[in-house]
Protein backbone atom coordinates (compact mmCIF):
# COMPACT_ATOMS: atom_id res chain seq x y z
CA MET A 1 0.00 0.00 0.00
CA HIS A 2 1.97 2.92 -1.32
CA ARG A 3 5.28 1.42 -0.12
CA LYS A 4 4.20 1.48 3.53
CA LYS A 5 5.09 -1.29 5.94
CA ILE A 6 2.13 -2.54 7.95
CA ASN A 7 2.44 -4.87 10.94
CA VAL A 8 -0.52 -7.24 10.98
CA SER A 9 0.73 -9.73 13.57
CA THR A 10 3.95 -10.69 15.33
CA VAL A 11 3.24 -14.30 14.29
CA LEU A 12 3.54 -13.27 10.62
CA ALA A 13 6.57 -11.00 11.16
CA GLY A 14 8.79 -11.03 8.09
CA GLN A 15 6.29 -12.99 5.98
CA LYS A 16 4.99 -11.61 2.73
CA LEU A 17 1.24 -11.14 2.65
CA GLY A 18 -1.08 -10.71 -0.30
CA ILE A 19 -3.00 -7.47 -0.56
CA LYS A 20 -5.80 -6.68 -2.99
CA GLU A 21 -8.09 -3.67 -3.21
CA VAL A 22 -11.69 -4.96 -3.13
CA GLU A 23 -13.42 -1.56 -2.82
CA ASP A 24 -12.24 2.05 -2.72
CA GLU A 25 -9.67 2.16 0.11
CA ILE A 26 -10.70 -1.31 1.39
CA TRP A 27 -7.95 -3.94 1.06
CA LEU A 28 -8.14 -7.72 1.52
CA ILE A 29 -5.12 -9.19 3.35
CA SER A 30 -4.19 -12.83 2.62
CA PHE A 31 -1.49 -15.27 3.70
CA MET A 32 -0.95 -18.28 1.44
CA SER A 33 -4.51 -19.30 0.52
CA TYR A 34 -6.12 -17.83 3.66
CA ASP A 35 -7.96 -14.50 3.72
CA LEU A 36 -7.09 -12.89 7.07
CA GLY A 37 -9.06 -9.65 7.07
CA TYR A 38 -9.66 -6.24 5.60
CA ILE A 39 -7.80 -2.97 6.04
CA ASP A 40 -9.85 0.21 5.85
CA GLN A 41 -7.31 2.74 4.61
CA GLU A 42 -9.47 5.75 5.49
CA GLN A 43 -10.11 4.69 9.11
CA LYS A 44 -6.73 2.93 9.42
CA THR A 45 -8.28 -0.19 10.96
CA LEU A 46 -7.92 -3.94 10.45
CA GLN A 47 -11.11 -6.01 10.57
CA THR A 48 -10.25 -9.69 10.94
CA ILE A 49 -12.20 -12.59 9.46
CA ASP A 50 -13.53 -14.89 12.21
CA ASN A 51 -12.34 -18.19 10.72
CA PRO A 52 -9.96 -17.76 7.75
CA SER A 53 -9.58 -21.52 7.25
CA GLY A 54 -13.31 -22.18 6.90
CA THR A 55 -15.42 -24.66 8.81
CA ARG A 56 -13.93 -27.88 10.15
CA LEU A 57 -15.62 -31.23 10.53
């Protein structure tokens, strides 16, 4: 996002994350094949997804 470094989690420190704009100033953050949450660039907040790996049996 405009060459800015964003810390999402200490667990993912140093890992490369995927980022894709899904709406104006709303970005989807992904790691491998898991969607982790959304960044609202205007409000500067991260909204996490409850269960990024889906349901488990």
